[in-house]
Structures are given as C-alpha cells and as structure tokens.
C-alpha atoms as a PDB file:
ATOM      1  CA  MET A   1       0.048   0.133   0.159  1.00  0.00           C
ATOM      2  CA  ILE A   2       2.757   2.467   0.861  1.00  0.00           C
ATOM      3  CA  GLU A   3       4.514   1.541  -2.403  1.00  0.00           C
ATOM      4  CA  LEU A   4       1.358   2.431  -4.307  1.00  0.00           C
ATOM      5  CA  LEU A   5       1.092   5.641  -2.492  1.00  0.00           C
ATOM      6  CA  LEU A   6       4.891   6.564  -3.315  1.00  0.00           C
ATOM      7  CA  ASP A   7       4.382   5.533  -6.897  1.00  0.00           C
ATOM      8  CA  PHE A   8       1.219   7.684  -6.921  1.00  0.00           C
ATOM      9  CA  VAL A   9       3.091  10.787  -5.700  1.00  0.00           C
ATOM     10  CA  ARG A  10       5.965  10.207  -7.973  1.00  0.00           C
ATOM     11  CA  VAL A  11       4.087   9.628 -11.113  1.00  0.00           C
ATOM     12  CA  GLN A  12       0.836  11.512 -10.974  1.00  0.00           C
ATOM     13  CA  ILE A  13       2.057  14.682  -9.045  1.00  0.00           C
ATOM     14  CA  ALA A  14       5.957  14.970  -9.317  1.00  0.00           C
ATOM     15  CA  GLU A  15       6.617  13.801 -12.811  1.00  0.00           C
ATOM     16  CA  GLN A  16       3.277  14.839 -14.219  1.00  0.00           C
ATOM     17  CA  ILE A  17       3.903  18.489 -13.290  1.00  0.00           C
ATOM     18  CA  LEU A  18       7.657  18.849 -12.999  1.00  0.00           C
ATOM     19  CA  GLY A  19       9.138  16.593 -15.413  1.00  0.00           C
ATOM     20  CA  LYS A  20      11.135  13.501 -14.742  1.00  0.00           C
ATOM     21  CA  GLN A  21      14.329  15.536 -14.101  1.00  0.00           C
ATOM     22  CA  GLU A  22      13.025  18.016 -11.697  1.00  0.00           C
ATOM     23  CA  ALA A  23      10.586  15.525 -10.003  1.00  0.00           C
ATOM     24  CA  ARG A  24      13.639  13.796  -8.504  1.00  0.00           C
ATOM     25  CA  ARG A  25      14.769  16.886  -6.844  1.00  0.00           C
ATOM     26  CA  PHE A  26      11.350  17.585  -5.233  1.00  0.00           C
ATOM     27  CA  LEU A  27       9.923  14.133  -4.759  1.00  0.00           C
ATOM     28  CA  PRO A  28      10.852  13.917  -0.888  1.00  0.00           C
ATOM     29  CA  MET A  29       9.122  17.324  -0.245  1.00  0.00           C
ATOM     30  CA  LEU A  30       6.109  16.423  -2.348  1.00  0.00           C
ATOM     31  CA  THR A  31       5.861  12.854  -0.793  1.00  0.00           C
ATOM     32  CA  THR A  32       6.156  14.254   2.725  1.00  0.00           C
ATOM     33  CA  ILE A  33       3.570  16.719   2.173  1.00  0.00           C
ATOM     34  CA  PHE A  34       1.066  14.315   0.499  1.00  0.00           C
ATOM     35  CA  LEU A  35       1.460  11.628   3.221  1.00  0.00           C
ATOM     36  CA  THR A  36       1.470  13.937   6.100  1.00  0.00           C
ATOM     37  CA  ILE A  37      -1.779  15.554   4.919  1.00  0.00           C
ATOM     38  CA  LEU A  38      -3.341  12.353   4.143  1.00  0.00           C
ATOM     39  CA  ALA A  39      -2.530  10.801   7.521  1.00  0.00           C
ATOM     40  CA  PHE A  40      -3.680  13.934   9.502  1.00  0.00           C
ATOM     41  CA  ASN A  41      -6.794  14.046   7.401  1.00  0.00           C
ATOM     42  CA  LEU A  42      -7.678  10.433   8.291  1.00  0.00           C
ATOM     43  CA  THR A  43      -7.303  11.139  11.866  1.00  0.00           C
ATOM     44  CA  GLY A  44     -10.912  12.954  11.720  1.00  0.00           C
ATOM     45  CA  LEU A  45     -12.220   9.611  10.944  1.00  0.00           C
ATOM     46  CA  VAL A  46     -10.778   7.778  13.834  1.00  0.00           C
ATOM     47  CA  PRO A  47     -13.282   7.197  16.748  1.00  0.00           C
ATOM     48  CA  GLY A  48     -12.245   8.961  19.793  1.00  0.00           C
ATOM     49  CA  LEU A  49      -9.894  11.339  17.807  1.00  0.00           C
ATOM     50  CA  ASN A  50     -12.723  12.666  15.553  1.00  0.00           C
ATOM     51  CA  LEU A  51     -10.946  15.891  14.659  1.00  0.00           C
ATOM     52  CA  ALA A  52      -8.570  15.934  11.646  1.00  0.00           C
ATOM     53  CA  ALA A  53      -5.155  17.661  12.704  1.00  0.00           C
ATOM     54  CA  SER A  54      -5.233  19.356   9.345  1.00  0.00           C
ATOM     55  CA  SER A  55      -8.583  21.064  10.264  1.00  0.00           C
ATOM     56  CA  ARG A  56      -6.693  23.413  12.785  1.00  0.00           C
ATOM     57  CA  ILE A  57      -4.892  26.092  10.674  1.00  0.00           C
ATOM     58  CA  GLY A  58      -1.471  25.660  12.517  1.00  0.00           C
ATOM     59  CA  LEU A  59      -0.526  22.372  10.376  1.00  0.00           C
ATOM     60  CA  PRO A  60      -1.849  23.603   6.899  1.00  0.00           C
ATOM     61  CA  LEU A  61      -0.136  26.950   7.560  1.00  0.00           C
ATOM     62  CA  VAL A  62       3.293  25.342   8.349  1.00  0.00           C
ATOM     63  CA  LEU A  63       2.932  23.177   5.210  1.00  0.00           C
ATOM     64  CA  ALA A  64       2.109  26.332   2.968  1.00  0.00           C
ATOM     65  CA  LEU A  65       4.974  28.311   4.418  1.00  0.00           C
ATOM     66  CA  TRP A  66       7.156  25.456   3.432  1.00  0.00           C
ATOM     67  CA  VAL A  67       5.948  25.476  -0.095  1.00  0.00           C
ATOM     68  CA  PHE A  68       6.117  29.285  -0.106  1.00  0.00           C
ATOM     69  CA  ALA A  69       9.916  29.259   0.942  1.00  0.00           C
ATOM     70  CA  THR A  70      10.688  26.552  -1.544  1.00  0.00           C
ATOM     71  CA  TYR A  71       9.129  28.228  -4.559  1.00  0.00           C
ATOM     72  CA  TRP A  72      10.728  31.555  -3.669  1.00  0.00           C
ATOM     73  CA  TRP A  73      14.078  29.736  -2.975  1.00  0.00           C
ATOM     74  CA  VAL A  74      13.806  27.759  -6.278  1.00  0.00           C
ATOM     75  CA  GLY A  75      12.890  30.766  -8.283  1.00  0.00           C
ATOM     76  CA  ILE A  76      15.626  33.162  -6.864  1.00  0.00           C
ATOM     77  CA  ARG A  77      18.202  30.289  -7.224  1.00  0.00           C
ATOM     78  CA  GLN A  78      16.991  29.721 -10.988  1.00  0.00           C
ATOM     79  CA  HIS A  79      16.866  33.163 -12.087  1.00  0.00           C
ATOM     80  CA  GLY A  80      18.311  35.457  -9.540  1.00  0.00           C
ATOM     81  CA  LEU A  81      16.267  37.728  -7.264  1.00  0.00           C
ATOM     82  CA  GLY A  82      15.766  40.501  -9.935  1.00  0.00           C
ATOM     83  CA  ASN A  83      14.753  38.359 -12.647  1.00  0.00           C
ATOM     84  CA  TYR A  84      12.503  36.269 -10.360  1.00  0.00           C
ATOM     85  CA  LEU A  85      10.600  39.420  -9.344  1.00  0.00           C
ATOM     86  CA  LYS A  86      10.571  40.845 -12.848  1.00  0.00           C
ATOM     87  CA  ASN A  87       9.059  37.395 -14.258  1.00  0.00           C
ATOM     88  CA  ASN A  88       6.446  37.242 -11.471  1.00  0.00           C
ATOM     89  CA  LEU A  89       5.580  41.030 -11.078  1.00  0.00           C
ATOM     90  CA  PHE A  90       5.634  42.153 -14.557  1.00  0.00           C
ATOM     91  CA  PRO A  91       4.018  39.574 -16.949  1.00  0.00           C
ATOM     92  CA  PRO A  92       5.127  40.014 -20.479  1.00  0.00           C
ATOM     93  CA  GLY A  93       2.741  40.759 -23.221  1.00  0.00           C
ATOM     94  CA  ILE A  94       0.657  43.557 -21.248  1.00  0.00           C
ATOM     95  CA  PRO A  95       0.838  47.363 -22.007  1.00  0.00           C
ATOM     96  CA  LYS A  96       3.339  49.051 -19.749  1.00  0.00           C
ATOM     97  CA  PHE A  97       0.800  51.444 -18.052  1.00  0.00           C
ATOM     98  CA  VAL A  98      -1.135  48.632 -16.998  1.00  0.00           C
ATOM     99  CA  TYR A  99       1.695  47.431 -14.703  1.00  0.00           C
ATOM    100  CA  ILE A 100       0.493  49.989 -12.129  1.00  0.00           C
ATOM    101  CA  ILE A 101      -2.599  47.655 -11.562  1.00  0.00           C
ATOM    102  CA  VAL A 102      -1.083  44.406 -12.243  1.00  0.00           C
ATOM    103  CA  MET A 103       2.184  44.583 -10.344  1.00  0.00           C
ATOM    104  CA  PRO A 104       0.326  44.808  -6.803  1.00  0.00           C
ATOM    105  CA  ILE A 105      -2.010  42.094  -7.667  1.00  0.00           C
ATOM    106  CA  GLU A 106       0.808  39.824  -8.737  1.00  0.00           C
ATOM    107  CA  LEU A 107       2.839  40.636  -5.606  1.00  0.00           C
ATOM    108  CA  LEU A 108      -0.181  39.971  -3.273  1.00  0.00           C
ATOM    109  CA  GLN A 109      -0.639  36.659  -5.190  1.00  0.00           C
ATOM    110  CA  LEU A 110       2.957  35.803  -4.738  1.00  0.00           C
ATOM    111  CA  LEU A 111       3.191  36.609  -1.102  1.00  0.00           C
ATOM    112  CA  ILE A 112      -0.226  36.008   0.313  1.00  0.00           C
ATOM    113  CA  ILE A 113      -2.691  34.365  -2.050  1.00  0.00           C
ATOM    114  CA  ARG A 114      -0.703  31.320  -2.901  1.00  0.00           C
ATOM    115  CA  PRO A 115       0.380  30.250   0.560  1.00  0.00           C
ATOM    116  CA  GLY A 116      -2.918  31.449   2.032  1.00  0.00           C
ATOM    117  CA  SER A 117      -5.106  29.654  -0.424  1.00  0.00           C
ATOM    118  CA  LEU A 118      -3.198  26.337   0.234  1.00  0.00           C
ATOM    119  CA  ALA A 119      -3.605  26.670   3.981  1.00  0.00           C
ATOM    120  CA  LEU A 120      -7.342  27.867   4.080  1.00  0.00           C
ATOM    121  CA  ARG A 121      -8.494  25.435   1.304  1.00  0.00           C
ATOM    122  CA  LEU A 122      -7.115  22.408   3.384  1.00  0.00           C
ATOM    123  CA  ALA A 123      -8.419  23.605   6.875  1.00  0.00           C
ATOM    124  CA  ALA A 124     -11.618  24.712   5.462  1.00  0.00           C
ATOM    125  CA  ASN A 125     -12.476  21.507   3.733  1.00  0.00           C
ATOM    126  CA  MET A 126     -11.612  19.424   6.659  1.00  0.00           C
ATOM    127  CA  ILE A 127     -13.582  21.549   9.186  1.00  0.00           C
ATOM    128  CA  ALA A 128     -16.635  21.548   7.019  1.00  0.00           C
ATOM    129  CA  GLY A 129     -16.542  17.757   6.701  1.00  0.00           C
ATOM    130  CA  HIS A 130     -16.079  17.607  10.505  1.00  0.00           C
ATOM    131  CA  ILE A 131     -19.103  19.765  11.016  1.00  0.00           C
ATOM    132  CA  MET A 132     -21.240  17.567   8.611  1.00  0.00           C
ATOM    133  CA  LEU A 133     -20.322  14.514  10.813  1.00  0.00           C
ATOM    134  CA  VAL A 134     -21.085  16.048  13.969  1.00  0.00           C
ATOM    135  CA  LEU A 135     -24.444  17.280  12.931  1.00  0.00           C
ATOM    136  CA  ALA A 136     -25.320  13.822  11.478  1.00  0.00           C
ATOM    137  CA  PHE A 137     -24.459  11.883  14.578  1.00  0.00           C
ATOM    138  CA  ALA A 138     -25.798  14.622  16.990  1.00  0.00           C
ATOM    139  CA  ALA A 139     -29.083  14.445  15.011  1.00  0.00           C
ATOM    140  CA  THR A 140     -28.918  10.496  15.365  1.00  0.00           C
ATOM    141  CA  HIS A 141     -28.364  10.909  19.218  1.00  0.00           C
ATOM    142  CA  TYR A 142     -31.330  13.252  19.572  1.00  0.00           C
ATOM    143  CA  PHE A 143     -33.633  11.222  17.527  1.00  0.00           C
ATOM    144  CA  VAL A 144     -32.879   7.891  19.226  1.00  0.00           C
ATOM    145  CA  PHE A 145     -32.510   8.967  22.878  1.00  0.00           C
ATOM    146  CA  GLU A 146     -34.379  12.276  23.280  1.00  0.00           C
ATOM    147  CA  ALA A 147     -37.071  13.020  20.634  1.00  0.00           C
ATOM    148  CA  ALA A 148     -40.671  12.163  20.747  1.00  0.00           C
ATOM    149  CA  PRO A 149     -41.593   8.424  19.736  1.00  0.00           C
ATOM    150  CA  ALA A 150     -43.022   9.457  16.357  1.00  0.00           C
ATOM    151  CA  MET A 151     -39.558  10.936  15.355  1.00  0.00           C
ATOM    152  CA  LYS A 152     -37.385   8.122  16.535  1.00  0.00           C
ATOM    153  CA  ALA A 153     -37.333   6.533  13.036  1.00  0.00           C
ATOM    154  CA  LEU A 154     -35.695   9.603  11.697  1.00  0.00           C
ATOM    155  CA  GLY A 155     -32.519   8.498  13.774  1.00  0.00           C
ATOM    156  CA  VAL A 156     -32.103   5.726  11.187  1.00  0.00           C
ATOM    157  CA  LEU A 157     -31.946   8.362   8.445  1.00  0.00           C
ATOM    158  CA  SER A 158     -29.468  10.494  10.297  1.00  0.00           C
ATOM    159  CA  LEU A 159     -27.328   7.485  11.193  1.00  0.00           C
ATOM    160  CA  ALA A 160     -27.270   6.588   7.515  1.00  0.00           C
ATOM    161  CA  GLY A 161     -26.353  10.100   6.536  1.00  0.00           C
ATOM    162  CA  GLY A 162     -23.560  10.003   9.048  1.00  0.00           C
ATOM    163  CA  PHE A 163     -22.250   6.913   7.451  1.00  0.00           C
ATOM    164  CA  ALA A 164     -22.543   8.452   4.056  1.00  0.00           C
ATOM    165  CA  PHE A 165     -20.670  11.561   5.150  1.00  0.00           C
ATOM    166  CA  THR A 166     -17.999   9.357   6.817  1.00  0.00           C
ATOM    167  CA  ALA A 167     -17.450   7.624   3.452  1.00  0.00           C
ATOM    168  CA  PHE A 168     -17.288  11.023   1.765  1.00  0.00           C
ATOM    169  CA  GLU A 169     -14.857  12.330   4.259  1.00  0.00           C
ATOM    170  CA  LEU A 170     -12.574   9.507   3.390  1.00  0.00           C
ATOM    171  CA  LEU A 171     -12.745  10.559  -0.279  1.00  0.00           C
ATOM    172  CA  VAL A 172     -12.173  14.230   0.741  1.00  0.00           C
ATOM    173  CA  ALA A 173      -9.146  13.252   2.910  1.00  0.00           C
ATOM    174  CA  GLY A 174      -7.228  11.796   0.002  1.00  0.00           C
ATOM    175  CA  LEU A 175      -8.331  14.444  -2.495  1.00  0.00           C
ATOM    176  CA  GLN A 176      -7.191  17.236  -0.186  1.00  0.00           C
ATOM    177  CA  ALA A 177      -3.891  15.642   0.294  1.00  0.00           C
ATOM    178  CA  TYR A 178      -3.597  15.218  -3.643  1.00  0.00           C
ATOM    179  CA  ILE A 179      -4.680  18.825  -4.302  1.00  0.00           C
ATOM    180  CA  PHE A 180      -2.253  20.308  -1.685  1.00  0.00           C
ATOM    181  CA  ALA A 181       0.772  18.310  -3.178  1.00  0.00           C
ATOM    182  CA  LEU A 182      -0.261  19.076  -6.765  1.00  0.00           C
ATOM    183  CA  LEU A 183      -0.567  22.878  -6.246  1.00  0.00           C
ATOM    184  CA  ALA A 184       2.882  22.695  -4.354  1.00  0.00           C
ATOM    185  CA  ALA A 185       4.279  21.127  -7.520  1.00  0.00           C
ATOM    186  CA  VAL A 186       2.580  23.737  -9.510  1.00  0.00           C
ATOM    187  CA  TYR A 187       3.927  26.655  -7.765  1.00  0.00           C
ATOM    188  CA  ILE A 188       7.423  25.203  -7.733  1.00  0.00           C
ATOM    189  CA  ASN A 189       7.283  24.558 -11.560  1.00  0.00           C
ATOM    190  CA  LEU A 190       6.065  28.179 -12.022  1.00  0.00           C
ATOM    191  CA  SER A 191       9.213  29.397 -10.243  1.00  0.00           C
ATOM    192  CA  LEU A 192      11.492  27.151 -12.376  1.00  0.00           C
ATOM    193  CA  GLU A 193       9.793  28.491 -15.709  1.00  0.00           C
ATOM    194  CA  GLU A 194      11.356  31.567 -17.535  1.00  0.00           C
ATOM    195  CA  ALA A 195       8.182  33.599 -18.066  1.00  0.00           C
ATOM    196  CA  HIS A 196       4.765  33.339 -16.618  1.00  0.00           C
END
C-alpha cells in the first residue's frame, strides 16, 4: 500500500507537473506533504480522535509556508532575485501602463494568495467535513434518545447520513492531500519557468 502511495506521488504529481528530471529533486518534499496531509486528514475519521489535525490552521499554515519558501528559493536560485521578481511582478505581453494595476495584484498573489489559499483550502474543507459528521451523529443521538416516539425513526436516516458523510470524508481526505501536493508542484514549476 505504501509503495502504491509513493508511486502515485512520483508519477501522478511530481513527474506529471515537474517532468522526470525536476521531479527527483522535489519528490521527497511532495511525498512528505502528501503523506502527512493524508495521515492527518484520516485522523478525523478515527473514533475517539474525531478531529483531523489538518482542520486546525497550524498544520496547513506550516506546510503552506514550506511550499512558499521552497518556490521562492527555487525561483531566486534559478533566475536570480531581480529576474525572479521581474518575471512574477511584470508579466510579458501587457501594456506598460497596466503594470500599475497588475504589479500589486501579482505581488499579493506571490506573497499572500498562493500560501494562504493552500492553508485555508485544506483547513476549511476538513472543518466543513467534521461539522457535517457532528451534525449527522448529533441528530442521530437526539432522534434515538430524546425525540418524541413519532420522530425516533428519523434516527435511522440521520445515522445513514452520518455513515455516508464518513465515506465522503474518506474521499475528501485523499483528495485534499492530492490537491495540496499538486498545487505545491505547480507553484514550484512556475518558479522554475522563464516567464509566466
């Protein structure tokens, strides 16, 4: 199973986005990100734990800052600081007078939007899934133990909904790990390219 996961990250994320040559360089980072997020996402489905560690902003933020530092380091090392900033802040092919508007937007994207969207996307998706599970199972408890006799049958529906949301959370756990690692590879690849 672990070998399948490692091959998945290597082939479907690293080599697909970065190419075979660059994939080898960033494969340890991307594999660590993918497996860490997957493991912490799955903790939300373990009875007794019930809260994914990735649903708290600390873990997604640390991983996003790691990706942020990596794509800045890679871009500066590949192009030099001046060329890296020029490539990112002044996209080619647009009129010079538009740079007054585009440059602050590009700077905001480079410094805040990319790492912020990575962290918030992961945390928000895991929080939303946990809230759905809590609502379904809390409704089951209410209908079975506290509701009027005519409403007790609804406990079966809310219990079935809870199991359906649990299965969906299993899918979301893997999907969010994949998306985070994929976007990390995309951002690193953007830093390696000459022009954006």
